[in-house]
Amino acid sequence: MRFLTYLVFCMLVFSCSSPERRPTTGKEWIQQSITYHDPLGRWANLRASFQVQDSLPPGRDSRTYVFSLDNGKSHFSYRFRDLEFEVLADSVRIIKGEVEKERALRLRNYYSYLWGLPMKLMDPGTAIEDSVREETLSGKTYQVVRVPYEKDIWYFYLNPENYRMEAYKFYQDEAAGKGEIIYLEGEYDFKGMKIPMNRTWYRTETPEFLGTDMLKSIQGID
C-alpha cells in the first residue's frame, strides 16, 4: 500500500512537471490559435450580426454598416445605407439598392474570411506551410505562419505566449513587397469567442494608413 501511494505520488509529480509540448508546424500553431480564439468551436455554426464602424484617412467619410452570418447555412447578409442584400451559398438576392453579383460575393468572402480568422484557415484547400519563422513586429516577437493562396500570400503573426493572433499581412506581389498589413487590437468576447475589435490597415510598401475597422457590437440571431 505504501509503495502504491508512492507510485501515484511520483506520477503526479511527473505529470505536473512535464513541460507543455510546443507547436512545431504552421498548422499546429494555427490550431493553437483557434483554441485561443474559439475554444468552444462556435464559429462553424455562428449566427450573429456584426455592427462595424470604419475610420478612414482624411477626405473620406467614415461608415457604419452591419453584416450578418449564419455559417451553418452558408448565409450572409449586408446592410449599409441604401444597399441591402443577402447571399445564400453563391446565390445573391438584392433587397434594396443595386449591387453586381460578383461584388456581393466578394463582400461575402471578405467579411466572412477576415472576421473568421484564424478559424477560416481550417477551410478545405488551405495550404498552411509547415515551416514557422520568428519575426519582430512593432517591438514584439511573433511566430509567423505563411499561407499561400492562388492570388496572394498571407502571413499570420501569433503571440508565442498565448497563441493570440495579433496581426496579419498579405502580398499581392511578394517580390515587390506590394501588399497590406493589418494590426489587431482589443477583443470582443461573444459566447466564449475572442474576436479582435479593431483592425488597422497600412500598406506594406509605404507607411500609408488605409483605415481602421472598429467592431461596435455583436448580436446573436434567434
Protein backbone atom coordinates (compact mmCIF):
# COMPACT_ATOMS: atom_id res chain seq x y z
CA MET A 1 0.00 0.00 0.00
CA ARG A 2 2.83 2.40 0.84
CA PHE A 3 4.52 1.51 -2.46
CA LEU A 4 1.27 2.18 -4.39
CA THR A 5 0.89 5.57 -2.68
CA TYR A 6 4.49 6.44 -3.55
CA LEU A 7 3.95 5.37 -7.19
CA VAL A 8 0.84 7.57 -7.52
CA PHE A 9 2.73 10.48 -5.96
CA CYS A 10 5.60 10.10 -8.44
CA MET A 11 3.18 10.00 -11.39
CA LEU A 12 1.50 13.21 -10.21
CA VAL A 13 4.82 14.99 -9.77
CA PHE A 14 5.98 13.88 -13.22
CA SER A 15 2.77 14.95 -14.93
CA CYS A 16 2.84 18.36 -13.23
CA SER A 17 6.47 19.00 -14.02
CA SER A 18 6.40 17.82 -17.65
CA PRO A 19 6.71 20.83 -20.00
CA GLU A 20 3.83 21.55 -22.35
CA ARG A 21 4.60 20.42 -25.87
CA ARG A 22 5.06 23.45 -28.10
CA PRO A 23 3.74 23.53 -31.67
CA THR A 24 6.31 22.80 -34.33
CA THR A 25 4.44 23.16 -37.63
CA GLY A 26 2.41 26.00 -39.06
CA LYS A 27 -0.81 24.02 -38.82
CA GLU A 28 -0.16 23.22 -35.15
CA TRP A 29 0.37 26.91 -34.41
CA ILE A 30 -2.86 27.81 -36.18
CA GLN A 31 -4.76 25.10 -34.32
CA GLN A 32 -3.50 26.50 -31.02
CA SER A 33 -4.57 29.98 -32.11
CA ILE A 34 -8.03 28.66 -32.92
CA THR A 35 -8.18 27.12 -29.46
CA TYR A 36 -7.43 30.56 -28.02
CA HIS A 37 -9.93 32.49 -30.15
CA ASP A 38 -12.71 29.90 -30.40
CA PRO A 39 -12.21 27.38 -27.57
CA LEU A 40 -15.76 26.04 -27.80
CA GLY A 41 -15.77 25.66 -31.59
CA ARG A 42 -18.70 28.03 -32.14
CA TRP A 43 -17.57 29.60 -35.42
CA ALA A 44 -18.79 26.78 -37.67
CA ASN A 45 -22.41 27.35 -36.62
CA LEU A 46 -22.25 31.01 -35.63
CA ARG A 47 -25.45 33.02 -36.13
CA ALA A 48 -24.76 36.66 -35.40
CA SER A 49 -24.87 40.25 -36.68
CA PHE A 50 -21.77 42.46 -36.57
CA GLN A 51 -22.00 46.25 -36.43
CA VAL A 52 -18.79 47.84 -37.69
CA GLN A 53 -17.65 51.44 -37.97
CA ASP A 54 -14.66 52.36 -40.06
CA SER A 55 -12.26 55.26 -39.65
CA LEU A 56 -10.77 56.35 -42.96
CA PRO A 57 -7.96 58.74 -43.95
CA PRO A 58 -8.79 62.48 -44.11
CA GLY A 59 -11.00 63.35 -47.04
CA ARG A 60 -13.01 60.13 -46.93
CA ASP A 61 -16.26 59.73 -45.00
CA SER A 62 -16.40 57.05 -42.32
CA ARG A 63 -19.21 54.49 -42.44
CA THR A 64 -21.22 52.30 -40.11
CA TYR A 65 -22.57 49.08 -41.57
CA VAL A 66 -23.98 45.73 -40.47
CA PHE A 67 -23.31 42.26 -41.80
CA SER A 68 -24.79 39.01 -40.56
CA LEU A 69 -23.52 35.44 -40.70
CA ASP A 70 -25.35 32.14 -40.41
CA ASN A 71 -22.36 29.88 -41.02
CA GLY A 72 -24.26 26.64 -40.61
CA LYS A 73 -26.45 27.57 -43.62
CA SER A 74 -23.79 29.44 -45.65
CA HIS A 75 -25.89 32.58 -45.33
CA PHE A 76 -24.54 36.15 -45.38
CA SER A 77 -26.35 39.48 -45.40
CA TYR A 78 -25.10 43.06 -45.65
CA ARG A 79 -26.75 46.39 -44.89
CA PHE A 80 -25.35 49.87 -45.47
CA ARG A 81 -27.47 52.97 -46.13
CA ASP A 82 -29.47 52.28 -49.31
CA LEU A 83 -27.90 48.90 -50.02
CA GLU A 84 -29.10 45.62 -48.59
CA PHE A 85 -28.55 42.14 -49.96
CA GLU A 86 -28.08 38.54 -48.89
CA VAL A 87 -26.05 35.61 -50.17
CA LEU A 88 -27.11 32.00 -49.71
CA ALA A 89 -24.30 29.72 -50.87
CA ASP A 90 -23.45 31.53 -54.14
CA SER A 91 -26.95 32.83 -54.85
CA VAL A 92 -27.47 36.59 -54.39
CA ARG A 93 -30.77 38.28 -53.53
CA ILE A 94 -30.88 42.08 -53.60
CA ILE A 95 -33.29 43.50 -51.04
CA LYS A 96 -32.62 47.20 -51.58
CA GLY A 97 -30.38 49.18 -53.89
CA GLU A 98 -28.11 47.81 -56.60
CA VAL A 99 -25.03 45.59 -56.49
CA GLU A 100 -23.44 43.29 -59.03
CA LYS A 101 -23.37 39.62 -58.13
CA GLU A 102 -19.57 39.50 -58.36
CA ARG A 103 -19.20 42.36 -55.87
CA ALA A 104 -21.75 40.84 -53.50
CA LEU A 105 -19.80 37.58 -53.46
CA ARG A 106 -16.53 39.46 -52.90
CA LEU A 107 -18.02 41.27 -49.92
CA ARG A 108 -19.29 37.97 -48.51
CA ASN A 109 -15.86 36.38 -48.91
CA TYR A 110 -14.09 39.43 -47.48
CA TYR A 111 -16.11 39.76 -44.29
CA SER A 112 -16.55 36.06 -43.55
CA TYR A 113 -12.82 35.43 -44.04
CA LEU A 114 -11.34 38.36 -42.12
CA TRP A 115 -13.74 38.23 -39.21
CA GLY A 116 -13.47 34.46 -39.10
CA LEU A 117 -9.71 34.30 -38.64
CA PRO A 118 -7.97 32.19 -37.52
CA MET A 119 -10.80 29.64 -37.79
CA LYS A 120 -11.13 30.15 -41.56
CA LEU A 121 -7.63 28.78 -42.02
CA MET A 122 -9.07 25.30 -41.46
CA ASP A 123 -11.22 25.60 -44.59
CA PRO A 124 -10.62 22.83 -47.16
CA GLY A 125 -7.86 23.63 -49.60
CA THR A 126 -5.95 26.00 -47.30
CA ALA A 127 -2.24 25.19 -47.65
CA ILE A 128 -0.64 26.12 -44.34
CA GLU A 129 3.12 25.82 -44.68
CA ASP A 130 4.96 23.63 -42.17
CA SER A 131 7.85 25.97 -41.52
CA VAL A 132 7.34 28.75 -38.96
CA ARG A 133 9.62 31.74 -38.62
CA GLU A 134 10.26 34.19 -35.82
CA GLU A 135 9.85 37.88 -36.60
CA THR A 136 9.82 41.12 -34.62
CA LEU A 137 6.97 43.48 -35.42
CA SER A 138 6.46 46.81 -33.63
CA GLY A 139 8.90 45.73 -30.92
CA LYS A 140 7.24 42.36 -30.22
CA THR A 141 8.45 38.91 -31.27
CA TYR A 142 5.98 36.65 -33.03
CA GLN A 143 5.79 33.22 -34.55
CA VAL A 144 4.78 33.76 -38.18
CA VAL A 145 2.83 31.26 -40.27
CA ARG A 146 2.82 31.54 -44.07
CA VAL A 147 -0.26 30.60 -46.11
CA PRO A 148 -0.06 30.88 -49.92
CA TYR A 149 -3.24 31.32 -51.92
CA GLU A 150 -3.69 31.40 -55.69
CA LYS A 151 -3.55 35.20 -55.99
CA ASP A 152 -1.82 36.36 -52.81
CA ILE A 153 0.43 35.26 -49.95
CA TRP A 154 -0.63 35.69 -46.31
CA TYR A 155 1.42 35.82 -43.12
CA PHE A 156 -0.15 35.41 -39.68
CA TYR A 157 1.54 36.77 -36.54
CA LEU A 158 0.88 34.73 -33.40
CA ASN A 159 1.78 35.66 -29.84
CA PRO A 160 4.09 32.83 -28.66
CA GLU A 161 2.81 33.09 -25.08
CA ASN A 162 -0.92 32.57 -25.62
CA TYR A 163 -1.24 31.94 -29.42
CA ARG A 164 -3.37 35.06 -29.89
CA MET A 165 -3.41 36.33 -33.48
CA GLU A 166 -2.23 39.95 -33.29
CA ALA A 167 -1.53 40.87 -36.93
CA TYR A 168 -1.55 39.55 -40.46
CA LYS A 169 -0.37 40.77 -43.83
CA PHE A 170 -0.75 39.76 -47.43
CA TYR A 171 1.22 40.36 -50.57
CA GLN A 172 -0.34 40.74 -53.98
CA ASP A 173 3.23 40.90 -55.33
CA GLU A 174 5.59 39.44 -52.72
CA ALA A 175 8.73 40.03 -54.79
CA ALA A 176 7.93 43.75 -54.98
CA GLY A 177 6.74 43.88 -51.36
CA LYS A 178 3.35 45.15 -52.51
CA GLY A 179 0.53 44.37 -50.12
CA GLU A 180 -1.13 45.37 -46.85
CA ILE A 181 -0.55 44.72 -43.16
CA ILE A 182 -3.31 44.68 -40.56
CA TYR A 183 -2.78 45.17 -36.82
CA LEU A 184 -5.36 43.69 -34.43
CA GLU A 185 -6.19 45.42 -31.14
CA GLY A 186 -8.64 44.63 -28.36
CA GLU A 187 -11.05 41.72 -28.12
CA TYR A 188 -14.81 41.34 -28.15
CA ASP A 189 -15.98 38.32 -26.17
CA PHE A 190 -19.04 36.76 -27.75
CA LYS A 191 -20.25 33.46 -26.31
CA GLY A 192 -16.69 32.45 -25.46
CA MET A 193 -15.18 33.58 -28.79
CA LYS A 194 -12.42 36.20 -28.64
CA ILE A 195 -12.90 38.33 -31.75
CA PRO A 196 -10.45 41.18 -32.44
CA MET A 197 -12.20 44.55 -32.10
CA ASN A 198 -10.04 46.92 -34.15
CA ARG A 199 -8.28 46.18 -37.42
CA THR A 200 -5.91 48.92 -38.58
CA TRP A 201 -4.64 48.72 -42.15
CA TYR A 202 -1.39 50.00 -43.70
CA ARG A 203 0.36 49.40 -46.97
CA THR A 204 3.46 47.23 -46.82
CA GLU A 205 5.48 49.14 -49.43
CA THR A 206 4.83 52.56 -47.81
CA PRO A 207 3.69 53.69 -44.33
CA GLU A 208 0.34 54.80 -45.78
CA PHE A 209 -2.60 54.44 -43.39
CA LEU A 210 -5.62 52.88 -45.11
CA GLY A 211 -8.19 52.78 -42.34
CA THR A 212 -9.43 51.12 -39.16
CA ASP A 213 -12.39 48.76 -38.85
CA MET A 214 -13.90 49.07 -35.37
CA LEU A 215 -16.25 46.39 -34.09
CA LYS A 216 -19.05 48.15 -32.17
CA SER A 217 -21.26 45.19 -31.28
CA ILE A 218 -22.21 41.60 -31.99
CA GLN A 219 -25.78 40.42 -31.60
CA GLY A 220 -26.94 36.83 -31.73
CA ILE A 221 -29.61 35.88 -34.27
CA ASP A 222 -32.57 33.94 -32.89
